[in-house]
Amino acid sequence: MMNTILKLYFKLPHDTSFGIISKIINRIAARIVKRVLDRTVPSYFLKTQAQFLNGLNTEKRDKKVIVSFTSFPGRIQDVWIVIECLFRQTYKADKIILWLSELQFEGVELPSLLTDQQSRGLDIRFVKGDIKSHKKYIYALNEFKNDYVITVDDDLYYDNKLIQNLILLKEKYPYALPTNRAHLIQFDNRNKVASYSKWYHNYPIEKQSLLLVPTGGFGTLYEFDQLYQTFDNQILIKELVPHADDLWIKIQSLLKNTQVVTNNRYNKDPISVKSSQLEKLVSINVLRGANDVQLRAVLDYFKMGNLENYKN
C-alpha cells in the first residue's frame, strides 16, 4: 500500500504546473499522505518482517551498491522504519551502513527495533567526533572507492523503486551523477547566483546539467572519482559548510566537471517519518538563510565566482 500511495503522490502535477493551485494541492496531499503512512506503515512493517529476513543482495555484481546514511539521538527511535524501506527495494543494496557519532551516542542505548535489523543486514558503525550530516558520504566513499555509494536520509519514507531508479539513470547516463531529486541553480538579474529559496526546486525534467544540485537525502548515487580531492576535508567542512552537506558535495562534483542527472519520478518534497522533522536542518539552512551564507563561503574559497563558467 505504501508504494502505491507514494506513486500516486509523485504523479500529482509539479508545483509549477498550475501556479499557486498546484502548490496548495501538493501541500494538502503531502499532509494526508503523511498521516496515512504514519498510521499504517510501522505496524505493517512489523507484521511482515519475516518476509524480508535478508534485506541485502546476494548475487555477484561488478560494482557493489552501498547505501550510506547517518542519524542522531533525536531521531534514532524511528530510523528502523527507514531501514525497512531500504530492505524492501526491488533492486537491493549490497550493504546498508548507518554511521553514528560516538560523541553523540555516548550513554545512549539504541532501540531494539533498530539493533534487531543487524541480523538482517544492517551495518551500524560508530565514528569518532561528529561532522553532522556529512557522515552519510565521507566514510563510505573512502572505503568503497570502486563501488556505488547511495546516500539517503534517516527520516523519510522510500518506495521500493528508489534504488532501481538511480541504477537505471546510471546505466543511461554513465558519466553523470544520478539523483532522484534535484534543484536547479538560478541567477538574479545581476547574473549572480540567486538565493537558495529562489532556485527551481524539485526539478521535474530528465536532464544532465552542471547546475543541478542533488538532494542527497532522497537518494543520490556517488562515485569516488566523480568528486574533487577535497570532498573529505573535515577542516574545511567544519569551517565553511557545517550544516550543508548537499551544497558541499555539489561543489566537489562541480570542481570535477561532473554533470548531475535527474528525472521526473520524484518531483516533489518527500514525506517524512512520524515526528522526525521536529529536528531538521531546513529550519537553519532555508528559513534562516544559512544555505546562502555557506554556499558563498565555498564559492569564495575555491574562487568560483558566481558559477559563470559552469552555465550550460
C-alpha atoms as a PDB file:
ATOM      1  CA  MET A   1       0.000   0.000   0.000  1.00  0.00           C
ATOM      2  CA  MET A   2       2.795   2.456   0.854  1.00  0.00           C
ATOM      3  CA  ASN A   3       4.349   2.077  -2.599  1.00  0.00           C
ATOM      4  CA  THR A   4       1.022   2.738  -4.305  1.00  0.00           C
ATOM      5  CA  ILE A   5       0.280   5.803  -2.187  1.00  0.00           C
ATOM      6  CA  LEU A   6       3.720   7.291  -2.802  1.00  0.00           C
ATOM      7  CA  LYS A   7       3.460   6.569  -6.525  1.00  0.00           C
ATOM      8  CA  LEU A   8       0.142   8.426  -6.699  1.00  0.00           C
ATOM      9  CA  TYR A   9       1.561  11.317  -4.679  1.00  0.00           C
ATOM     10  CA  PHE A  10       4.501  11.759  -7.041  1.00  0.00           C
ATOM     11  CA  LYS A  11       2.158  11.577 -10.032  1.00  0.00           C
ATOM     12  CA  LEU A  12       0.453  14.794  -8.972  1.00  0.00           C
ATOM     13  CA  PRO A  13       1.337  17.870 -11.063  1.00  0.00           C
ATOM     14  CA  HIS A  14       4.563  19.649 -10.180  1.00  0.00           C
ATOM     15  CA  ASP A  15       4.354  22.791  -8.041  1.00  0.00           C
ATOM     16  CA  THR A  16       4.915  24.959 -11.114  1.00  0.00           C
ATOM     17  CA  SER A  17       2.265  23.309 -13.308  1.00  0.00           C
ATOM     18  CA  PHE A  18      -0.704  25.462 -12.292  1.00  0.00           C
ATOM     19  CA  GLY A  19       0.927  28.115 -10.161  1.00  0.00           C
ATOM     20  CA  ILE A  20      -0.255  28.535  -6.594  1.00  0.00           C
ATOM     21  CA  ILE A  21      -3.053  25.988  -7.120  1.00  0.00           C
ATOM     22  CA  SER A  22      -0.509  23.205  -7.687  1.00  0.00           C
ATOM     23  CA  LYS A  23       1.399  24.180  -4.572  1.00  0.00           C
ATOM     24  CA  ILE A  24      -1.741  24.130  -2.440  1.00  0.00           C
ATOM     25  CA  ILE A  25      -2.835  20.753  -3.815  1.00  0.00           C
ATOM     26  CA  ASN A  26       0.584  19.236  -3.225  1.00  0.00           C
ATOM     27  CA  ARG A  27       0.879  20.575   0.317  1.00  0.00           C
ATOM     28  CA  ILE A  28      -2.543  19.215   1.231  1.00  0.00           C
ATOM     29  CA  ALA A  29      -1.756  15.891  -0.433  1.00  0.00           C
ATOM     30  CA  ALA A  30       1.557  15.632   1.422  1.00  0.00           C
ATOM     31  CA  ARG A  31      -0.178  16.124   4.790  1.00  0.00           C
ATOM     32  CA  ILE A  32      -2.791  13.474   4.009  1.00  0.00           C
ATOM     33  CA  VAL A  33      -0.191  11.004   2.735  1.00  0.00           C
ATOM     34  CA  LYS A  34       1.960  11.536   5.813  1.00  0.00           C
ATOM     35  CA  ARG A  35      -0.944  10.870   8.186  1.00  0.00           C
ATOM     36  CA  VAL A  36      -1.890   7.679   6.349  1.00  0.00           C
ATOM     37  CA  LEU A  37       1.675   6.375   6.216  1.00  0.00           C
ATOM     38  CA  ASP A  38       2.436   7.222   9.842  1.00  0.00           C
ATOM     39  CA  ARG A  39      -0.648   5.324  10.968  1.00  0.00           C
ATOM     40  CA  THR A  40      -0.240   2.254   8.778  1.00  0.00           C
ATOM     41  CA  VAL A  41       3.365   1.646   7.709  1.00  0.00           C
ATOM     42  CA  PRO A  42       5.100   0.896  11.050  1.00  0.00           C
ATOM     43  CA  SER A  43       2.575  -1.775  12.049  1.00  0.00           C
ATOM     44  CA  TYR A  44       2.600  -3.261   8.553  1.00  0.00           C
ATOM     45  CA  PHE A  45       6.390  -3.463   8.567  1.00  0.00           C
ATOM     46  CA  LEU A  46       6.390  -5.233  11.920  1.00  0.00           C
ATOM     47  CA  LYS A  47       3.805  -7.775  10.763  1.00  0.00           C
ATOM     48  CA  THR A  48       5.679  -8.602   7.550  1.00  0.00           C
ATOM     49  CA  GLN A  49       9.321  -8.594   8.667  1.00  0.00           C
ATOM     50  CA  ALA A  50       9.500 -12.375   8.337  1.00  0.00           C
ATOM     51  CA  GLN A  51       9.060 -11.998   4.581  1.00  0.00           C
ATOM     52  CA  PHE A  52      12.301  -9.995   4.394  1.00  0.00           C
ATOM     53  CA  LEU A  53      14.729 -11.910   6.584  1.00  0.00           C
ATOM     54  CA  ASN A  54      17.654 -10.781   4.429  1.00  0.00           C
ATOM     55  CA  GLY A  55      17.381  -7.264   3.092  1.00  0.00           C
ATOM     56  CA  LEU A  56      20.592  -7.332   1.032  1.00  0.00           C
ATOM     57  CA  ASN A  57      21.636  -8.513  -2.403  1.00  0.00           C
ATOM     58  CA  THR A  58      23.192 -11.996  -2.560  1.00  0.00           C
ATOM     59  CA  GLU A  59      24.245 -12.044  -6.228  1.00  0.00           C
ATOM     60  CA  LYS A  60      27.647 -11.072  -7.591  1.00  0.00           C
ATOM     61  CA  ARG A  61      27.968  -7.612  -9.139  1.00  0.00           C
ATOM     62  CA  ASP A  62      30.791  -5.768 -10.883  1.00  0.00           C
ATOM     63  CA  LYS A  63      30.090  -2.772  -8.682  1.00  0.00           C
ATOM     64  CA  LYS A  64      28.546  -3.113  -5.268  1.00  0.00           C
ATOM     65  CA  VAL A  65      25.772  -0.780  -4.186  1.00  0.00           C
ATOM     66  CA  ILE A  66      26.423   0.737  -0.768  1.00  0.00           C
ATOM     67  CA  VAL A  67      23.580   2.642   0.884  1.00  0.00           C
ATOM     68  CA  SER A  68      25.026   5.049   3.418  1.00  0.00           C
ATOM     69  CA  PHE A  69      23.336   7.369   5.901  1.00  0.00           C
ATOM     70  CA  THR A  70      23.595   8.811   9.384  1.00  0.00           C
ATOM     71  CA  SER A  71      21.382   9.765  12.307  1.00  0.00           C
ATOM     72  CA  PHE A  72      21.458  11.348  15.761  1.00  0.00           C
ATOM     73  CA  PRO A  73      19.768  10.662  19.118  1.00  0.00           C
ATOM     74  CA  GLY A  74      16.751  12.865  18.408  1.00  0.00           C
ATOM     75  CA  ARG A  75      15.684  10.642  15.526  1.00  0.00           C
ATOM     76  CA  ILE A  76      17.109   7.248  16.374  1.00  0.00           C
ATOM     77  CA  GLN A  77      13.835   5.764  17.646  1.00  0.00           C
ATOM     78  CA  ASP A  78      12.220   5.796  14.204  1.00  0.00           C
ATOM     79  CA  VAL A  79      15.219   5.019  11.991  1.00  0.00           C
ATOM     80  CA  TRP A  80      14.210   1.346  11.804  1.00  0.00           C
ATOM     81  CA  ILE A  81      11.272   2.386   9.576  1.00  0.00           C
ATOM     82  CA  VAL A  82      13.632   3.904   7.007  1.00  0.00           C
ATOM     83  CA  ILE A  83      15.760   0.756   7.035  1.00  0.00           C
ATOM     84  CA  GLU A  84      12.693  -1.392   6.404  1.00  0.00           C
ATOM     85  CA  CYS A  85      12.018   0.716   3.315  1.00  0.00           C
ATOM     86  CA  LEU A  86      15.584   0.026   2.170  1.00  0.00           C
ATOM     87  CA  PHE A  87      15.368  -3.711   2.871  1.00  0.00           C
ATOM     88  CA  ARG A  88      12.279  -3.958   0.650  1.00  0.00           C
ATOM     89  CA  GLN A  89      13.722  -2.434  -2.519  1.00  0.00           C
ATOM     90  CA  THR A  90      13.239  -4.091  -5.911  1.00  0.00           C
ATOM     91  CA  TYR A  91      16.971  -3.507  -6.514  1.00  0.00           C
ATOM     92  CA  LYS A  92      18.663  -4.478  -3.281  1.00  0.00           C
ATOM     93  CA  ALA A  93      21.787  -2.899  -1.848  1.00  0.00           C
ATOM     94  CA  ASP A  94      24.912  -4.946  -1.119  1.00  0.00           C
ATOM     95  CA  LYS A  95      25.451  -3.049   2.110  1.00  0.00           C
ATOM     96  CA  ILE A  96      23.385  -0.649   4.212  1.00  0.00           C
ATOM     97  CA  ILE A  97      25.556   1.295   6.637  1.00  0.00           C
ATOM     98  CA  LEU A  98      24.352   3.587   9.411  1.00  0.00           C
ATOM     99  CA  TRP A  99      27.134   5.875  10.647  1.00  0.00           C
ATOM    100  CA  LEU A 100      26.770   7.183  14.204  1.00  0.00           C
ATOM    101  CA  SER A 101      28.956   9.545  16.187  1.00  0.00           C
ATOM    102  CA  GLU A 102      30.499   8.080  19.339  1.00  0.00           C
ATOM    103  CA  LEU A 103      30.371  11.569  20.804  1.00  0.00           C
ATOM    104  CA  GLN A 104      26.641  11.945  20.229  1.00  0.00           C
ATOM    105  CA  PHE A 105      25.656   8.444  21.297  1.00  0.00           C
ATOM    106  CA  GLU A 106      27.769   8.134  24.420  1.00  0.00           C
ATOM    107  CA  GLY A 107      25.466   6.632  27.035  1.00  0.00           C
ATOM    108  CA  VAL A 108      22.578   6.312  24.559  1.00  0.00           C
ATOM    109  CA  GLU A 109      21.014   2.867  24.196  1.00  0.00           C
ATOM    110  CA  LEU A 110      19.982   2.067  20.650  1.00  0.00           C
ATOM    111  CA  PRO A 111      16.363   0.857  20.293  1.00  0.00           C
ATOM    112  CA  SER A 112      15.895  -2.879  19.827  1.00  0.00           C
ATOM    113  CA  LEU A 113      13.815  -2.328  16.686  1.00  0.00           C
ATOM    114  CA  LEU A 114      16.995  -0.893  15.184  1.00  0.00           C
ATOM    115  CA  THR A 115      19.614  -3.291  16.544  1.00  0.00           C
ATOM    116  CA  ASP A 116      17.478  -6.316  15.617  1.00  0.00           C
ATOM    117  CA  GLN A 117      17.908  -5.308  11.977  1.00  0.00           C
ATOM    118  CA  GLN A 118      21.613  -6.113  12.170  1.00  0.00           C
ATOM    119  CA  SER A 119      20.766  -9.806  11.817  1.00  0.00           C
ATOM    120  CA  ARG A 120      19.061  -8.980   8.503  1.00  0.00           C
ATOM    121  CA  GLY A 121      21.942  -6.998   7.031  1.00  0.00           C
ATOM    122  CA  LEU A 122      22.140  -3.594   8.691  1.00  0.00           C
ATOM    123  CA  ASP A 123      25.690  -2.460   9.446  1.00  0.00           C
ATOM    124  CA  ILE A 124      25.931   0.051  12.323  1.00  0.00           C
ATOM    125  CA  ARG A 125      29.292   1.786  12.636  1.00  0.00           C
ATOM    126  CA  PHE A 126      30.484   4.315  15.182  1.00  0.00           C
ATOM    127  CA  VAL A 127      32.975   7.038  14.288  1.00  0.00           C
ATOM    128  CA  LYS A 128      34.908   9.483  16.432  1.00  0.00           C
ATOM    129  CA  GLY A 129      33.942  13.129  16.535  1.00  0.00           C
ATOM    130  CA  ASP A 130      30.939  14.486  14.694  1.00  0.00           C
ATOM    131  CA  ILE A 131      30.734  16.042  11.245  1.00  0.00           C
ATOM    132  CA  LYS A 132      26.937  16.007  11.362  1.00  0.00           C
ATOM    133  CA  SER A 133      25.153  15.106   8.107  1.00  0.00           C
ATOM    134  CA  HIS A 134      28.459  14.841   6.226  1.00  0.00           C
ATOM    135  CA  LYS A 135      28.917  11.427   7.833  1.00  0.00           C
ATOM    136  CA  LYS A 136      26.479   9.999   5.309  1.00  0.00           C
ATOM    137  CA  TYR A 137      29.009  10.079   2.452  1.00  0.00           C
ATOM    138  CA  ILE A 138      32.588  10.683   3.639  1.00  0.00           C
ATOM    139  CA  TYR A 139      33.379   7.343   5.260  1.00  0.00           C
ATOM    140  CA  ALA A 140      31.587   5.187   2.696  1.00  0.00           C
ATOM    141  CA  LEU A 141      33.174   6.881  -0.324  1.00  0.00           C
ATOM    142  CA  ASN A 142      36.647   6.466   1.143  1.00  0.00           C
ATOM    143  CA  GLU A 143      36.088   2.808   1.965  1.00  0.00           C
ATOM    144  CA  PHE A 144      34.268   1.787  -1.223  1.00  0.00           C
ATOM    145  CA  LYS A 145      36.183   3.723  -3.872  1.00  0.00           C
ATOM    146  CA  ASN A 146      35.343   1.326  -6.689  1.00  0.00           C
ATOM    147  CA  ASP A 147      31.657   0.918  -5.912  1.00  0.00           C
ATOM    148  CA  TYR A 148      28.449   2.948  -5.976  1.00  0.00           C
ATOM    149  CA  VAL A 149      27.601   4.850  -2.801  1.00  0.00           C
ATOM    150  CA  ILE A 150      23.969   5.908  -2.463  1.00  0.00           C
ATOM    151  CA  THR A 151      23.128   8.418   0.236  1.00  0.00           C
ATOM    152  CA  VAL A 152      19.728   8.673   1.897  1.00  0.00           C
ATOM    153  CA  ASP A 153      18.293  10.405   4.952  1.00  0.00           C
ATOM    154  CA  ASP A 154      17.164   8.894   8.231  1.00  0.00           C
ATOM    155  CA  ASP A 155      13.680  10.395   8.304  1.00  0.00           C
ATOM    156  CA  LEU A 156      11.863   9.747   5.008  1.00  0.00           C
ATOM    157  CA  TYR A 157       9.513   7.159   3.535  1.00  0.00           C
ATOM    158  CA  TYR A 158      11.056   5.492   0.475  1.00  0.00           C
ATOM    159  CA  ASP A 159       9.100   3.499  -2.078  1.00  0.00           C
ATOM    160  CA  ASN A 160      10.536   0.218  -3.350  1.00  0.00           C
ATOM    161  CA  LYS A 161      11.860   1.647  -6.636  1.00  0.00           C
ATOM    162  CA  LEU A 162      14.156   4.278  -5.115  1.00  0.00           C
ATOM    163  CA  ILE A 163      17.439   2.431  -5.723  1.00  0.00           C
ATOM    164  CA  GLN A 164      16.274   0.972  -9.030  1.00  0.00           C
ATOM    165  CA  ASN A 165      15.571   4.453 -10.386  1.00  0.00           C
ATOM    166  CA  LEU A 166      19.144   5.535  -9.622  1.00  0.00           C
ATOM    167  CA  ILE A 167      20.647   2.429 -11.234  1.00  0.00           C
ATOM    168  CA  LEU A 168      18.577   2.930 -14.393  1.00  0.00           C
ATOM    169  CA  LEU A 169      19.678   6.564 -14.576  1.00  0.00           C
ATOM    170  CA  LYS A 170      23.301   5.498 -14.132  1.00  0.00           C
ATOM    171  CA  GLU A 171      23.021   2.956 -16.931  1.00  0.00           C
ATOM    172  CA  LYS A 172      21.517   5.602 -19.211  1.00  0.00           C
ATOM    173  CA  TYR A 173      23.960   8.367 -18.232  1.00  0.00           C
ATOM    174  CA  PRO A 174      27.134   6.538 -17.132  1.00  0.00           C
ATOM    175  CA  TYR A 175      29.301   9.647 -16.768  1.00  0.00           C
ATOM    176  CA  ALA A 176      26.798  11.685 -14.803  1.00  0.00           C
ATOM    177  CA  LEU A 177      25.901  11.731 -11.132  1.00  0.00           C
ATOM    178  CA  PRO A 178      22.290  10.462 -10.846  1.00  0.00           C
ATOM    179  CA  THR A 179      19.900  11.727  -8.222  1.00  0.00           C
ATOM    180  CA  ASN A 180      16.241  11.111  -7.515  1.00  0.00           C
ATOM    181  CA  ARG A 181      15.607  14.725  -6.562  1.00  0.00           C
ATOM    182  CA  ALA A 182      17.430  17.901  -7.544  1.00  0.00           C
ATOM    183  CA  HIS A 183      17.175  21.672  -7.516  1.00  0.00           C
ATOM    184  CA  LEU A 184      18.334  23.832 -10.428  1.00  0.00           C
ATOM    185  CA  ILE A 185      20.503  26.830  -9.558  1.00  0.00           C
ATOM    186  CA  GLN A 186      19.007  30.120 -10.704  1.00  0.00           C
ATOM    187  CA  PHE A 187      20.613  33.518 -11.276  1.00  0.00           C
ATOM    188  CA  ASP A 188      19.355  37.007 -10.465  1.00  0.00           C
ATOM    189  CA  ASN A 189      19.187  39.997 -12.797  1.00  0.00           C
ATOM    190  CA  ARG A 190      22.822  40.841 -11.986  1.00  0.00           C
ATOM    191  CA  ASN A 191      23.873  37.362 -13.164  1.00  0.00           C
ATOM    192  CA  LYS A 192      24.743  36.310  -9.623  1.00  0.00           C
ATOM    193  CA  VAL A 193      23.648  33.068  -8.006  1.00  0.00           C
ATOM    194  CA  ALA A 194      20.151  33.669  -6.681  1.00  0.00           C
ATOM    195  CA  SER A 195      19.140  32.923  -3.118  1.00  0.00           C
ATOM    196  CA  TYR A 196      18.582  29.219  -2.439  1.00  0.00           C
ATOM    197  CA  SER A 197      14.881  29.868  -1.883  1.00  0.00           C
ATOM    198  CA  LYS A 198      14.647  31.178  -5.489  1.00  0.00           C
ATOM    199  CA  TRP A 199      16.116  28.070  -7.130  1.00  0.00           C
ATOM    200  CA  TYR A 200      13.952  25.765  -9.236  1.00  0.00           C
ATOM    201  CA  HIS A 201      13.118  23.179  -6.582  1.00  0.00           C
ATOM    202  CA  ASN A 202      12.299  19.542  -7.331  1.00  0.00           C
ATOM    203  CA  TYR A 203      13.361  19.899 -10.965  1.00  0.00           C
ATOM    204  CA  PRO A 204      10.906  17.730 -12.962  1.00  0.00           C
ATOM    205  CA  ILE A 205      12.700  17.148 -16.280  1.00  0.00           C
ATOM    206  CA  GLU A 206      15.108  14.366 -17.238  1.00  0.00           C
ATOM    207  CA  LYS A 207      18.249  16.320 -17.975  1.00  0.00           C
ATOM    208  CA  GLN A 208      22.016  16.434 -17.410  1.00  0.00           C
ATOM    209  CA  SER A 209      23.383  19.714 -16.113  1.00  0.00           C
ATOM    210  CA  LEU A 210      26.267  21.162 -14.142  1.00  0.00           C
ATOM    211  CA  LEU A 211      23.775  23.434 -12.387  1.00  0.00           C
ATOM    212  CA  LEU A 212      21.554  20.702 -10.967  1.00  0.00           C
ATOM    213  CA  VAL A 213      22.096  20.250  -7.230  1.00  0.00           C
ATOM    214  CA  PRO A 214      21.311  16.768  -5.864  1.00  0.00           C
ATOM    215  CA  THR A 215      19.456  16.458  -2.600  1.00  0.00           C
ATOM    216  CA  GLY A 216      21.394  13.530  -1.223  1.00  0.00           C
ATOM    217  CA  GLY A 217      18.764  12.595   1.327  1.00  0.00           C
ATOM    218  CA  PHE A 218      16.296  11.278  -1.227  1.00  0.00           C
ATOM    219  CA  GLY A 219      18.788   9.061  -2.973  1.00  0.00           C
ATOM    220  CA  THR A 220      21.886  10.172  -4.873  1.00  0.00           C
ATOM    221  CA  LEU A 221      24.443   7.820  -6.396  1.00  0.00           C
ATOM    222  CA  TYR A 222      28.071   8.895  -5.974  1.00  0.00           C
ATOM    223  CA  GLU A 223      31.346   7.551  -7.323  1.00  0.00           C
ATOM    224  CA  PHE A 224      34.656   8.390  -5.690  1.00  0.00           C
ATOM    225  CA  ASP A 225      36.299   9.521  -8.956  1.00  0.00           C
ATOM    226  CA  GLN A 226      33.500  11.995  -9.718  1.00  0.00           C
ATOM    227  CA  LEU A 227      34.373  14.175  -6.737  1.00  0.00           C
ATOM    228  CA  TYR A 228      37.204  16.631  -6.175  1.00  0.00           C
ATOM    229  CA  GLN A 229      40.044  15.655  -3.860  1.00  0.00           C
ATOM    230  CA  THR A 230      38.874  17.952  -1.037  1.00  0.00           C
ATOM    231  CA  PHE A 231      35.463  16.285  -0.649  1.00  0.00           C
ATOM    232  CA  ASP A 232      36.500  14.682   2.658  1.00  0.00           C
ATOM    233  CA  ASN A 233      38.441  17.620   4.122  1.00  0.00           C
ATOM    234  CA  GLN A 234      36.811  17.811   7.526  1.00  0.00           C
ATOM    235  CA  ILE A 235      38.602  21.015   8.493  1.00  0.00           C
ATOM    236  CA  LEU A 236      37.119  22.856   5.512  1.00  0.00           C
ATOM    237  CA  ILE A 237      33.730  21.272   6.077  1.00  0.00           C
ATOM    238  CA  LYS A 238      33.544  22.460   9.670  1.00  0.00           C
ATOM    239  CA  GLU A 239      34.760  25.917   8.701  1.00  0.00           C
ATOM    240  CA  LEU A 240      32.682  26.504   5.566  1.00  0.00           C
ATOM    241  CA  VAL A 241      29.631  24.237   5.465  1.00  0.00           C
ATOM    242  CA  PRO A 242      28.931  22.564   8.828  1.00  0.00           C
ATOM    243  CA  HIS A 243      25.213  22.223   8.037  1.00  0.00           C
ATOM    244  CA  ALA A 244      25.164  21.985   4.224  1.00  0.00           C
ATOM    245  CA  ASP A 245      26.312  18.577   3.029  1.00  0.00           C
ATOM    246  CA  ASP A 246      24.346  18.804  -0.242  1.00  0.00           C
ATOM    247  CA  LEU A 247      25.951  22.105  -1.218  1.00  0.00           C
ATOM    248  CA  TRP A 248      29.440  20.971  -0.245  1.00  0.00           C
ATOM    249  CA  ILE A 249      29.376  17.744  -2.213  1.00  0.00           C
ATOM    250  CA  LYS A 250      27.760  19.559  -5.150  1.00  0.00           C
ATOM    251  CA  ILE A 251      30.727  21.903  -5.349  1.00  0.00           C
ATOM    252  CA  GLN A 252      33.099  18.921  -5.068  1.00  0.00           C
ATOM    253  CA  SER A 253      31.449  17.339  -8.112  1.00  0.00           C
ATOM    254  CA  LEU A 254      31.373  20.665  -9.949  1.00  0.00           C
ATOM    255  CA  LEU A 255      35.127  21.059  -9.469  1.00  0.00           C
ATOM    256  CA  LYS A 256      35.476  17.776 -11.394  1.00  0.00           C
ATOM    257  CA  ASN A 257      33.006  18.960 -14.067  1.00  0.00           C
ATOM    258  CA  THR A 258      30.662  16.123 -13.196  1.00  0.00           C
ATOM    259  CA  GLN A 259      27.167  16.679 -14.516  1.00  0.00           C
ATOM    260  CA  VAL A 260      24.125  15.744 -12.467  1.00  0.00           C
ATOM    261  CA  VAL A 261      21.107  13.978 -13.955  1.00  0.00           C
ATOM    262  CA  THR A 262      17.605  13.513 -12.595  1.00  0.00           C
ATOM    263  CA  ASN A 263      14.195  12.547 -13.925  1.00  0.00           C
ATOM    264  CA  ASN A 264      10.528  13.075 -13.151  1.00  0.00           C
ATOM    265  CA  ARG A 265       9.835  10.089 -10.882  1.00  0.00           C
ATOM    266  CA  TYR A 266      10.312  12.006  -7.615  1.00  0.00           C
ATOM    267  CA  ASN A 267       9.363  15.595  -8.362  1.00  0.00           C
ATOM    268  CA  LYS A 268       8.094  16.790  -5.003  1.00  0.00           C
ATOM    269  CA  ASP A 269       9.118  17.213  -1.404  1.00  0.00           C
ATOM    270  CA  PRO A 270       9.492  13.769   0.214  1.00  0.00           C
ATOM    271  CA  ILE A 271       7.232  12.516   3.010  1.00  0.00           C
ATOM    272  CA  SER A 272       8.802  12.486   6.466  1.00  0.00           C
ATOM    273  CA  VAL A 273       8.548   9.671   9.004  1.00  0.00           C
ATOM    274  CA  LYS A 274       6.393  10.383  12.065  1.00  0.00           C
ATOM    275  CA  SER A 275       7.791  13.237  14.217  1.00  0.00           C
ATOM    276  CA  SER A 276      11.303  13.131  12.764  1.00  0.00           C
ATOM    277  CA  GLN A 277      11.035  16.599  11.210  1.00  0.00           C
ATOM    278  CA  LEU A 278      10.937  18.279  14.620  1.00  0.00           C
ATOM    279  CA  GLU A 279      14.717  18.490  14.389  1.00  0.00           C
ATOM    280  CA  LYS A 280      15.550  19.355  10.799  1.00  0.00           C
ATOM    281  CA  LEU A 281      18.282  21.317   9.052  1.00  0.00           C
ATOM    282  CA  VAL A 282      15.760  23.153   6.872  1.00  0.00           C
ATOM    283  CA  SER A 283      14.967  25.438   9.810  1.00  0.00           C
ATOM    284  CA  ILE A 284      18.595  26.551   9.817  1.00  0.00           C
ATOM    285  CA  ASN A 285      19.558  26.337   6.168  1.00  0.00           C
ATOM    286  CA  VAL A 286      16.481  27.593   4.362  1.00  0.00           C
ATOM    287  CA  LEU A 287      14.347  29.591   6.764  1.00  0.00           C
ATOM    288  CA  ARG A 288      17.331  31.426   8.251  1.00  0.00           C
ATOM    289  CA  GLY A 289      19.271  31.738   5.005  1.00  0.00           C
ATOM    290  CA  ALA A 290      22.269  29.678   6.113  1.00  0.00           C
ATOM    291  CA  ASN A 291      22.425  27.877   2.774  1.00  0.00           C
ATOM    292  CA  ASP A 292      23.211  31.152   1.012  1.00  0.00           C
ATOM    293  CA  VAL A 293      25.935  32.016   3.521  1.00  0.00           C
ATOM    294  CA  GLN A 294      27.555  28.584   3.332  1.00  0.00           C
ATOM    295  CA  LEU A 295      27.398  28.428  -0.485  1.00  0.00           C
ATOM    296  CA  ARG A 296      29.059  31.831  -0.789  1.00  0.00           C
ATOM    297  CA  ALA A 297      31.787  30.743   1.627  1.00  0.00           C
ATOM    298  CA  VAL A 298      32.555  27.686  -0.528  1.00  0.00           C
ATOM    299  CA  LEU A 299      32.447  29.600  -3.822  1.00  0.00           C
ATOM    300  CA  ASP A 300      34.796  32.233  -2.440  1.00  0.00           C
ATOM    301  CA  TYR A 301      37.204  29.653  -1.028  1.00  0.00           C
ATOM    302  CA  PHE A 302      37.504  27.832  -4.356  1.00  0.00           C
ATOM    303  CA  LYS A 303      37.447  31.110  -6.330  1.00  0.00           C
ATOM    304  CA  MET A 304      34.428  30.050  -8.364  1.00  0.00           C
ATOM    305  CA  GLY A 305      32.822  33.477  -8.595  1.00  0.00           C
ATOM    306  CA  ASN A 306      29.122  33.220  -9.438  1.00  0.00           C
ATOM    307  CA  LEU A 307      29.424  29.969 -11.370  1.00  0.00           C
ATOM    308  CA  GLU A 308      29.515  31.859 -14.647  1.00  0.00           C
ATOM    309  CA  ASN A 309      31.944  29.286 -16.055  1.00  0.00           C
ATOM    310  CA  TYR A 310      29.568  26.394 -15.338  1.00  0.00           C
ATOM    311  CA  LYS A 311      26.438  27.554 -17.149  1.00  0.00           C
ATOM    312  CA  ASN A 312      25.296  25.052 -19.755  1.00  0.00           C
END
